[in-house]
């Protein structure tokens, strides 16, 4: 009986391992085509859905919807005669990202954003988007169906043309993919497509109309495309108070099951819990009966038995604003530095430009998983970064000078530029 119960529990847990992890259909449904409409021209790109229906937004590149700066309109194209207007909520040319609010709810699932831990070289990635070259075939209605390609992460680099950390990947990418999501093998968004290695070259015009030469963009190399790391976006969303679904242990566990079963996963867990309790209770009773009570007073594990490994913190490493401009806000941390400062080109947490107490690139913080600790480093700021003592027992520790760093444990606080800006490192529940 016990073996049969365990077999059913194992079957329930193993219903859908990696085969269900990357659900291509769900990825494609959460990806939408964006048109930027002007009086005499039209440009196209890609976007994706974040937030539940009550707080739904569409994310893309700034350059995809840049026509709106000159009076143009950005719309989502869902098929012949089906367009939904978009209103820009936040946009940055420097970071080449934009967040928009649709005029009505788009009946598509939201994506899950995975910013911690970041991707690694060699990870498999899926690119979903609307390359313009694909429009040469099919019916007009087919232009609302995205294209799926696959590749691997080649490098993680800092951007020159955009002020972001970038993922270099090999998934086939073309003009029209801009603004589209890059998914990991678990179907979570890890990047936003933004660049492809292209060169503008003159080519012969054989049509007989217009100039003899025309300029076309051609690839500089195959398998070289760039995506903005999704942590750049989640920092902005947290700052702007825009809701989204962040990946966690729970979302990844639910993703192991077929999409049709997602709503039933909590009930499956309840059933598994009851099964485990019953199995454990039955096993204990059998053990007591076999021993005949002779050794009933001897515990299998004594109360003072040492544990094999000390418990490690569970949850997502985060930085919380305690006082100042970012009070009440939470930012995810990874093993890539999160920079605090006034320079929008390099900082992820951006202070007001007129706050001279904060240097343009003031300090940076990240989580060292190997040492299981946070790291705080001053970037040569003018007014320094201060690691605050706890409850007056310890002195404040001034960090001032490039590469002056300290290791922090959860719940330690520090100030940036002055006591008016205080942050705390810690963990959020996964």
Protein backbone atom coordinates (compact mmCIF):
# COMPACT_ATOMS: atom_id res chain seq x y z
CA UNK A 1 0.00 0.00 0.00
CA UNK A 2 2.80 2.39 0.94
CA UNK A 3 4.72 1.64 -2.25
CA UNK A 4 1.59 2.18 -4.34
CA UNK A 5 0.96 5.59 -2.71
CA UNK A 6 4.54 6.68 -3.29
CA UNK A 7 4.31 5.57 -6.91
CA UNK A 8 1.22 7.74 -7.45
CA UNK A 9 2.95 10.71 -5.77
CA UNK A 10 6.03 10.31 -7.96
CA UNK A 11 3.82 10.07 -11.04
CA UNK A 12 2.00 13.28 -10.10
CA UNK A 13 5.26 15.16 -9.57
CA UNK A 14 6.83 13.81 -12.74
CA UNK A 15 3.82 14.32 -14.99
CA UNK A 16 5.63 16.84 -17.07
CA UNK A 17 9.29 17.50 -16.57
CA UNK A 18 11.33 19.45 -19.10
CA UNK A 19 8.99 18.54 -21.96
CA UNK A 20 6.44 21.03 -20.62
CA UNK A 21 8.94 23.57 -19.32
CA UNK A 22 9.18 25.56 -22.56
CA UNK A 23 5.62 25.93 -23.86
CA UNK A 24 6.17 27.53 -27.27
CA UNK A 25 2.46 28.16 -27.84
CA UNK A 26 2.16 30.22 -24.64
CA UNK A 27 5.31 32.16 -25.55
CA UNK A 28 3.84 32.99 -28.96
CA UNK A 29 0.47 34.03 -27.54
CA UNK A 30 2.08 36.47 -25.10
CA UNK A 31 4.03 38.12 -27.95
CA UNK A 32 2.31 40.79 -30.07
CA UNK A 33 3.06 42.75 -33.20
CA UNK A 34 3.39 46.52 -32.93
CA UNK A 35 2.87 49.00 -35.76
CA UNK A 36 3.97 52.63 -35.51
CA UNK A 37 1.70 54.56 -37.87
CA UNK A 38 2.50 57.92 -39.44
CA UNK A 39 0.69 59.75 -42.24
CA UNK A 40 2.79 58.32 -45.05
CA UNK A 41 4.74 55.51 -43.46
CA UNK A 42 4.51 52.45 -41.24
CA UNK A 43 7.16 50.69 -39.18
CA UNK A 44 6.85 47.38 -37.38
CA UNK A 45 8.31 45.71 -34.34
CA UNK A 46 7.48 43.31 -31.53
CA UNK A 47 6.25 43.59 -27.95
CA UNK A 48 5.08 41.35 -25.13
CA UNK A 49 2.38 41.38 -22.44
CA UNK A 50 3.07 41.99 -18.74
CA UNK A 51 0.60 42.25 -15.87
CA UNK A 52 -2.82 40.73 -15.30
CA UNK A 53 -5.89 42.08 -17.18
CA UNK A 54 -6.52 44.77 -14.56
CA UNK A 55 -2.96 46.12 -14.84
CA UNK A 56 -1.95 45.04 -18.33
CA UNK A 57 0.95 46.70 -20.18
CA UNK A 58 2.94 46.07 -23.35
CA UNK A 59 6.76 46.25 -23.39
CA UNK A 60 8.89 46.97 -26.46
CA UNK A 61 11.89 49.04 -27.59
CA UNK A 62 11.76 52.82 -27.61
CA UNK A 63 12.83 52.89 -31.27
CA UNK A 64 9.87 50.67 -32.21
CA UNK A 65 7.36 53.32 -31.07
CA UNK A 66 9.49 56.43 -31.67
CA UNK A 67 7.05 57.73 -34.31
CA UNK A 68 4.75 58.73 -31.44
CA UNK A 69 7.18 61.54 -30.60
CA UNK A 70 6.25 63.18 -33.92
CA UNK A 71 2.50 62.66 -33.65
CA UNK A 72 2.36 59.05 -34.84
CA UNK A 73 0.33 56.23 -33.26
CA UNK A 74 1.52 52.98 -31.76
CA UNK A 75 -0.92 50.07 -32.04
CA UNK A 76 -1.00 46.32 -31.43
CA UNK A 77 -1.98 44.38 -34.55
CA UNK A 78 -3.93 41.20 -33.80
CA UNK A 79 -5.19 40.43 -37.29
CA UNK A 80 -7.19 41.93 -40.14
CA UNK A 81 -9.24 44.81 -38.73
CA UNK A 82 -8.08 44.11 -35.17
CA UNK A 83 -5.87 46.84 -33.76
CA UNK A 84 -5.58 48.19 -30.21
CA UNK A 85 -4.20 51.65 -29.52
CA UNK A 86 -1.26 52.01 -27.13
CA UNK A 87 -0.50 54.90 -24.80
CA UNK A 88 3.11 55.35 -23.71
CA UNK A 89 3.50 55.17 -19.92
CA UNK A 90 7.31 55.22 -19.78
CA UNK A 91 9.98 55.34 -22.47
CA UNK A 92 13.74 55.95 -22.66
CA UNK A 93 15.78 56.51 -25.79
CA UNK A 94 18.99 55.93 -23.81
CA UNK A 95 17.88 52.52 -22.55
CA UNK A 96 15.81 51.83 -25.69
CA UNK A 97 12.86 50.45 -23.74
CA UNK A 98 9.20 51.48 -23.63
CA UNK A 99 6.20 50.48 -21.53
CA UNK A 100 2.71 51.13 -22.91
CA UNK A 101 -0.88 50.80 -21.74
CA UNK A 102 -3.39 49.30 -24.21
CA UNK A 103 -6.71 51.15 -24.59
CA UNK A 104 -8.50 47.88 -23.82
CA UNK A 105 -7.50 44.49 -22.46
CA UNK A 106 -5.63 42.24 -24.89
CA UNK A 107 -6.83 38.66 -24.51
CA UNK A 108 -3.34 37.21 -24.21
CA UNK A 109 -1.40 35.67 -21.30
CA UNK A 110 1.22 37.71 -19.49
CA UNK A 111 4.86 36.62 -19.50
CA UNK A 112 6.95 35.75 -16.45
CA UNK A 113 10.14 37.82 -16.06
CA UNK A 114 13.23 35.97 -14.79
CA UNK A 115 15.84 38.47 -13.54
CA UNK A 116 17.48 36.35 -10.81
CA UNK A 117 19.61 34.41 -11.44
CA UNK A 118 20.64 35.85 -14.82
CA UNK A 119 21.32 33.73 -17.89
CA UNK A 120 24.69 32.05 -18.40
CA UNK A 121 26.83 31.48 -21.47
CA UNK A 122 25.60 28.33 -23.19
CA UNK A 123 21.98 28.62 -21.99
CA UNK A 124 19.33 27.82 -24.59
CA UNK A 125 17.10 30.76 -25.55
CA UNK A 126 13.93 31.09 -27.62
CA UNK A 127 13.21 34.23 -29.65
CA UNK A 128 9.62 35.10 -30.59
CA UNK A 129 8.91 38.02 -32.89
CA UNK A 130 7.75 39.44 -36.20
CA UNK A 131 10.68 39.74 -38.64
CA UNK A 132 9.55 41.88 -41.57
CA UNK A 133 11.15 39.51 -44.09
CA UNK A 134 8.63 36.82 -43.10
CA UNK A 135 5.79 38.96 -44.51
CA UNK A 136 6.82 38.03 -48.08
CA UNK A 137 4.83 34.80 -47.77
CA UNK A 138 1.36 33.96 -46.45
CA UNK A 139 -1.91 35.87 -46.22
CA UNK A 140 -2.37 39.26 -44.58
CA UNK A 141 -3.92 37.59 -41.53
CA UNK A 142 -0.72 35.55 -41.13
CA UNK A 143 1.16 38.75 -40.29
CA UNK A 144 -0.27 38.53 -36.77
CA UNK A 145 1.40 35.12 -36.24
CA UNK A 146 4.89 35.41 -34.73
CA UNK A 147 7.99 33.48 -35.75
CA UNK A 148 9.92 31.25 -33.35
CA UNK A 149 13.68 30.72 -33.52
CA UNK A 150 16.15 29.18 -31.08
CA UNK A 151 19.78 29.70 -30.15
CA UNK A 152 22.23 29.90 -27.26
CA UNK A 153 23.77 32.64 -25.15
CA UNK A 154 27.21 33.55 -26.52
CA UNK A 155 28.33 36.41 -24.25
CA UNK A 156 27.15 38.88 -21.62
CA UNK A 157 28.39 42.40 -22.41
CA UNK A 158 27.78 46.09 -21.73
CA UNK A 159 26.07 48.03 -24.49
CA UNK A 160 27.62 50.84 -26.53
CA UNK A 161 24.60 51.89 -28.57
CA UNK A 162 22.20 51.40 -25.64
CA UNK A 163 22.89 52.02 -21.95
CA UNK A 164 22.18 48.50 -20.77
CA UNK A 165 23.71 45.14 -20.00
CA UNK A 166 23.25 42.96 -23.08
CA UNK A 167 22.89 39.27 -23.85
CA UNK A 168 24.58 38.21 -27.07
CA UNK A 169 22.75 35.21 -28.53
CA UNK A 170 22.71 33.14 -31.70
CA UNK A 171 18.95 32.80 -32.33
CA UNK A 172 18.15 34.03 -35.88
CA UNK A 173 16.96 37.63 -35.49
CA UNK A 174 16.00 40.22 -38.11
CA UNK A 175 14.54 43.74 -38.38
CA UNK A 176 11.03 43.47 -36.93
CA UNK A 177 12.18 41.33 -33.98
CA UNK A 178 13.08 44.51 -32.09
CA UNK A 179 11.28 44.80 -28.76
CA UNK A 180 10.39 41.13 -28.67
CA UNK A 181 11.01 38.72 -25.79
CA UNK A 182 13.91 36.33 -25.40
CA UNK A 183 12.78 33.31 -23.35
CA UNK A 184 14.87 30.79 -21.44
CA UNK A 185 14.31 27.04 -21.59
CA UNK A 186 11.63 27.34 -18.89
CA UNK A 187 9.54 29.83 -20.87
CA UNK A 188 10.56 32.86 -18.74
CA UNK A 189 11.59 36.16 -20.34
CA UNK A 190 15.28 36.91 -19.76
CA UNK A 191 15.84 39.62 -22.37
CA UNK A 192 14.39 42.10 -24.86
CA UNK A 193 15.70 41.91 -28.43
CA UNK A 194 17.28 45.20 -29.44
CA UNK A 195 20.19 44.88 -31.91
CA UNK A 196 21.58 42.75 -34.70
CA UNK A 197 25.05 43.10 -36.22
CA UNK A 198 24.13 44.94 -39.45
CA UNK A 199 25.95 47.20 -41.91
CA UNK A 200 24.47 49.72 -44.37
CA UNK A 201 25.85 49.01 -47.87
CA UNK A 202 25.01 50.39 -51.34
CA UNK A 203 23.41 47.88 -53.70
CA UNK A 204 22.48 48.08 -57.35
CA UNK A 205 18.87 49.05 -58.13
CA UNK A 206 17.81 46.85 -61.05
CA UNK A 207 14.17 47.94 -61.06
CA UNK A 208 14.80 50.72 -63.56
CA UNK A 209 13.07 53.22 -61.31
CA UNK A 210 14.70 55.69 -58.94
CA UNK A 211 18.42 56.01 -58.26
CA UNK A 212 20.92 53.48 -59.60
CA UNK A 213 22.08 52.67 -56.08
CA UNK A 214 20.10 52.12 -52.94
CA UNK A 215 21.15 51.52 -49.33
CA UNK A 216 20.32 48.20 -47.71
CA UNK A 217 21.17 46.71 -44.31
CA UNK A 218 23.01 43.40 -44.47
CA UNK A 219 24.28 41.16 -41.64
CA UNK A 220 27.86 41.70 -40.48
CA UNK A 221 27.93 38.17 -39.11
CA UNK A 222 25.58 35.25 -38.60
CA UNK A 223 24.35 34.27 -35.17
CA UNK A 224 25.13 37.62 -33.54
CA UNK A 225 22.14 39.37 -31.99
CA UNK A 226 21.73 41.33 -28.78
CA UNK A 227 19.01 41.53 -26.13
CA UNK A 228 18.71 43.83 -23.12
CA UNK A 229 19.00 41.88 -19.85
CA UNK A 230 15.53 41.75 -18.30
CA UNK A 231 16.88 43.02 -14.96
CA UNK A 232 17.19 46.42 -16.65
CA UNK A 233 13.43 46.36 -17.23
CA UNK A 234 12.40 44.98 -13.83
CA UNK A 235 14.33 47.79 -12.09
CA UNK A 236 12.30 50.32 -14.11
CA UNK A 237 9.00 48.53 -13.47
CA UNK A 238 9.71 48.41 -9.73
CA UNK A 239 10.63 52.10 -9.77
CA UNK A 240 7.49 53.08 -11.70
CA UNK A 241 5.22 50.85 -9.63
CA UNK A 242 4.10 48.90 -12.72
CA UNK A 243 2.96 45.37 -11.73
CA UNK A 244 4.34 42.27 -13.43
CA UNK A 245 4.92 38.60 -12.68
CA UNK A 246 8.44 37.86 -11.47
CA UNK A 247 9.75 34.31 -11.73
CA UNK A 248 9.94 32.36 -8.49
CA UNK A 249 10.20 28.81 -7.26
CA UNK A 250 6.41 28.63 -7.42
CA UNK A 251 6.06 29.88 -11.01
CA UNK A 252 8.79 27.50 -12.14
CA UNK A 253 7.11 24.57 -10.36
CA UNK A 254 3.75 25.40 -11.95
CA UNK A 255 5.52 25.61 -15.32
CA UNK A 256 6.46 21.93 -15.01
CA UNK A 257 2.81 21.04 -15.61
CA UNK A 258 0.84 21.28 -18.86
CA UNK A 259 -0.81 24.73 -19.19
CA UNK A 260 -4.28 23.19 -18.90
CA UNK A 261 -3.37 21.92 -15.42
CA UNK A 262 -1.98 25.19 -13.98
CA UNK A 263 -5.19 26.09 -12.13
CA UNK A 264 -5.29 22.63 -10.56
CA UNK A 265 -1.69 22.63 -9.28
CA UNK A 266 -2.60 23.86 -5.73
CA UNK A 267 -5.12 21.01 -5.38
CA UNK A 268 -2.53 18.53 -6.64
CA UNK A 269 -0.18 19.74 -3.90
CA UNK A 270 -2.91 19.33 -1.29
CA UNK A 271 -3.43 15.74 -2.45
CA UNK A 272 0.31 15.06 -2.38
CA UNK A 273 0.54 16.53 1.12
CA UNK A 274 -2.21 14.28 2.40
CA UNK A 275 -0.56 11.30 0.72
CA UNK A 276 2.78 12.04 2.38
CA UNK A 277 1.13 12.47 5.80
CA UNK A 278 -0.76 9.19 5.46
CA UNK A 279 2.33 7.34 4.24
CA UNK A 280 4.44 8.75 7.09
CA UNK A 281 1.79 7.88 9.68
CA UNK A 282 1.44 4.34 8.32
CA UNK A 283 5.20 3.83 8.24
CA UNK A 284 5.56 4.99 11.85
CA UNK A 285 2.82 2.63 13.04
CA UNK A 286 4.40 -0.35 11.26
CA UNK A 287 7.81 0.50 12.72
CA UNK A 288 6.42 0.64 16.27
CA UNK A 289 4.56 -2.66 15.86
CA UNK A 290 7.64 -4.42 14.52
CA UNK A 291 9.76 -3.21 17.40
CA UNK A 292 7.07 -4.36 19.79
CA UNK A 293 7.57 -1.28 21.87
CA UNK A 294 10.93 -2.51 23.20
CA UNK A 295 12.79 0.53 21.93
CA UNK A 296 9.87 2.91 21.74
CA UNK A 297 11.67 5.47 23.87
CA UNK A 298 14.65 5.75 21.48
CA UNK A 299 14.29 8.49 18.88
CA UNK A 300 15.75 7.89 15.41
CA UNK A 301 17.08 11.44 15.35
CA UNK A 302 17.91 13.08 18.67
CA UNK A 303 16.90 16.67 19.28
CA UNK A 304 20.53 17.82 19.46
CA UNK A 305 21.78 15.95 16.44
CA UNK A 306 23.84 18.36 14.27
CA UNK A 307 22.59 19.17 10.78
CA UNK A 308 24.72 18.24 7.78
CA UNK A 309 24.53 21.74 6.27
CA UNK A 310 23.50 25.07 7.75
CA UNK A 311 20.30 26.40 6.24
CA UNK A 312 20.85 28.93 3.49
CA UNK A 313 18.50 31.89 2.99
CA UNK A 314 15.58 31.07 0.73
CA UNK A 315 14.25 33.72 -1.61
CA UNK A 316 15.28 36.32 -4.15
CA UNK A 317 18.12 38.70 -3.17
CA UNK A 318 16.70 42.23 -3.14
CA UNK A 319 17.55 45.83 -2.32
CA UNK A 320 14.85 47.78 -0.46
CA UNK A 321 14.51 51.54 -0.26
CA UNK A 322 14.09 52.52 3.40
CA UNK A 323 14.31 56.32 3.23
CA UNK A 324 14.48 58.89 0.45
CA UNK A 325 13.53 58.86 -3.24
CA UNK A 326 13.08 55.09 -3.35
CA UNK A 327 11.42 54.51 0.02
CA UNK A 328 9.08 51.51 -0.11
CA UNK A 329 10.47 50.21 -3.43
CA UNK A 330 12.16 46.85 -3.94
CA UNK A 331 14.77 45.98 -6.58
CA UNK A 332 16.01 42.50 -7.49
CA UNK A 333 19.73 41.80 -7.14
CA UNK A 334 21.83 39.29 -9.04
CA UNK A 335 25.52 38.53 -9.42
CA UNK A 336 25.72 41.42 -11.90
CA UNK A 337 26.16 44.80 -10.16
CA UNK A 338 23.14 47.07 -9.77
CA UNK A 339 24.46 50.63 -10.07
CA UNK A 340 23.03 53.57 -8.09
CA UNK A 341 23.65 57.10 -9.37
CA UNK A 342 22.43 60.06 -11.43
CA UNK A 343 23.66 58.88 -14.84
CA UNK A 344 20.77 57.25 -16.76
CA UNK A 345 23.25 55.67 -19.18
CA UNK A 346 24.90 53.50 -16.54
CA UNK A 347 22.69 53.44 -13.45
CA UNK A 348 19.80 51.04 -12.91
CA UNK A 349 18.53 52.98 -9.88
CA UNK A 350 18.52 56.57 -11.12
CA UNK A 351 18.50 59.55 -8.76
CA UNK A 352 17.26 63.03 -9.78
CA UNK A 353 19.75 64.86 -12.01
CA UNK A 354 19.82 67.90 -9.69
CA UNK A 355 20.70 65.93 -6.52
CA UNK A 356 24.38 66.88 -6.30
CA UNK A 357 24.89 64.77 -3.16
CA UNK A 358 24.73 61.72 -5.42
CA UNK A 359 27.54 61.12 -7.90
CA UNK A 360 26.71 60.21 -11.48
CA UNK A 361 27.93 56.68 -10.79
CA UNK A 362 27.82 56.53 -7.00
CA UNK A 363 27.94 52.90 -5.83
CA UNK A 364 26.95 49.38 -6.82
CA UNK A 365 25.61 46.33 -5.02
CA UNK A 366 25.24 42.67 -5.98
CA UNK A 367 24.74 39.21 -4.46
CA UNK A 368 27.66 36.78 -4.34
CA UNK A 369 26.02 33.34 -4.42
CA UNK A 370 29.27 31.52 -3.81
CA UNK A 371 29.85 33.35 -0.52
CA UNK A 372 26.12 33.67 0.19
CA UNK A 373 26.51 37.38 0.94
CA UNK A 374 25.82 40.78 -0.55
CA UNK A 375 28.64 43.04 -1.79
CA UNK A 376 28.54 46.85 -1.57
CA UNK A 377 31.13 48.86 -3.50
CA UNK A 378 31.68 52.60 -3.77
CA UNK A 379 32.45 53.84 -7.30
CA UNK A 380 34.67 56.76 -6.30
CA UNK A 381 31.75 58.96 -5.24
CA UNK A 382 32.20 62.49 -3.90
CA UNK A 383 30.19 62.07 -0.68
CA UNK A 384 30.79 58.38 -0.09
CA UNK A 385 28.63 55.37 0.71
CA UNK A 386 28.10 54.59 4.40
CA UNK A 387 27.51 51.10 5.80
CA UNK A 388 25.32 51.81 8.81
CA UNK A 389 26.01 50.30 12.22
CA UNK A 390 23.29 48.21 13.84
CA UNK A 391 21.36 49.79 16.72
CA UNK A 392 24.27 51.98 17.70
CA UNK A 393 26.38 48.95 18.67
CA UNK A 394 28.71 49.34 15.70
CA UNK A 395 30.21 52.40 14.12
CA UNK A 396 29.16 53.52 10.68
CA UNK A 397 31.68 52.47 8.05
CA UNK A 398 32.46 55.02 5.31
CA UNK A 399 33.21 53.63 1.84
CA UNK A 400 34.79 56.26 -0.39
CA UNK A 401 37.02 55.55 -3.33
CA UNK A 402 36.91 53.34 -6.39
CA UNK A 403 36.61 49.62 -5.55
CA UNK A 404 36.21 50.27 -1.80
CA UNK A 405 33.88 47.42 -0.94
CA UNK A 406 32.34 45.55 1.99
CA UNK A 407 30.43 42.30 2.40
CA UNK A 408 26.93 42.61 3.84
CA UNK A 409 24.54 40.12 5.34
CA UNK A 410 20.76 40.27 5.06
CA UNK A 411 19.04 43.25 6.77
CA UNK A 412 22.16 45.41 6.79
CA UNK A 413 21.62 49.00 5.70
CA UNK A 414 23.66 51.68 3.96
CA UNK A 415 23.21 55.30 2.96
CA UNK A 416 24.02 56.88 -0.40
CA UNK A 417 25.38 60.42 -0.47
CA UNK A 418 23.62 61.43 2.75
CA UNK A 419 21.43 60.05 5.53
CA UNK A 420 18.40 61.04 3.44
CA UNK A 421 18.86 58.00 1.17
CA UNK A 422 18.95 54.66 3.00
CA UNK A 423 18.73 51.15 1.53
CA UNK A 424 18.62 47.64 3.02
CA UNK A 425 19.70 44.33 1.48
CA UNK A 426 17.74 41.16 2.15
CA UNK A 427 15.63 38.41 0.64
CA UNK A 428 12.11 38.38 -0.76
CA UNK A 429 10.04 35.20 -0.62
CA UNK A 430 10.24 33.14 -3.81
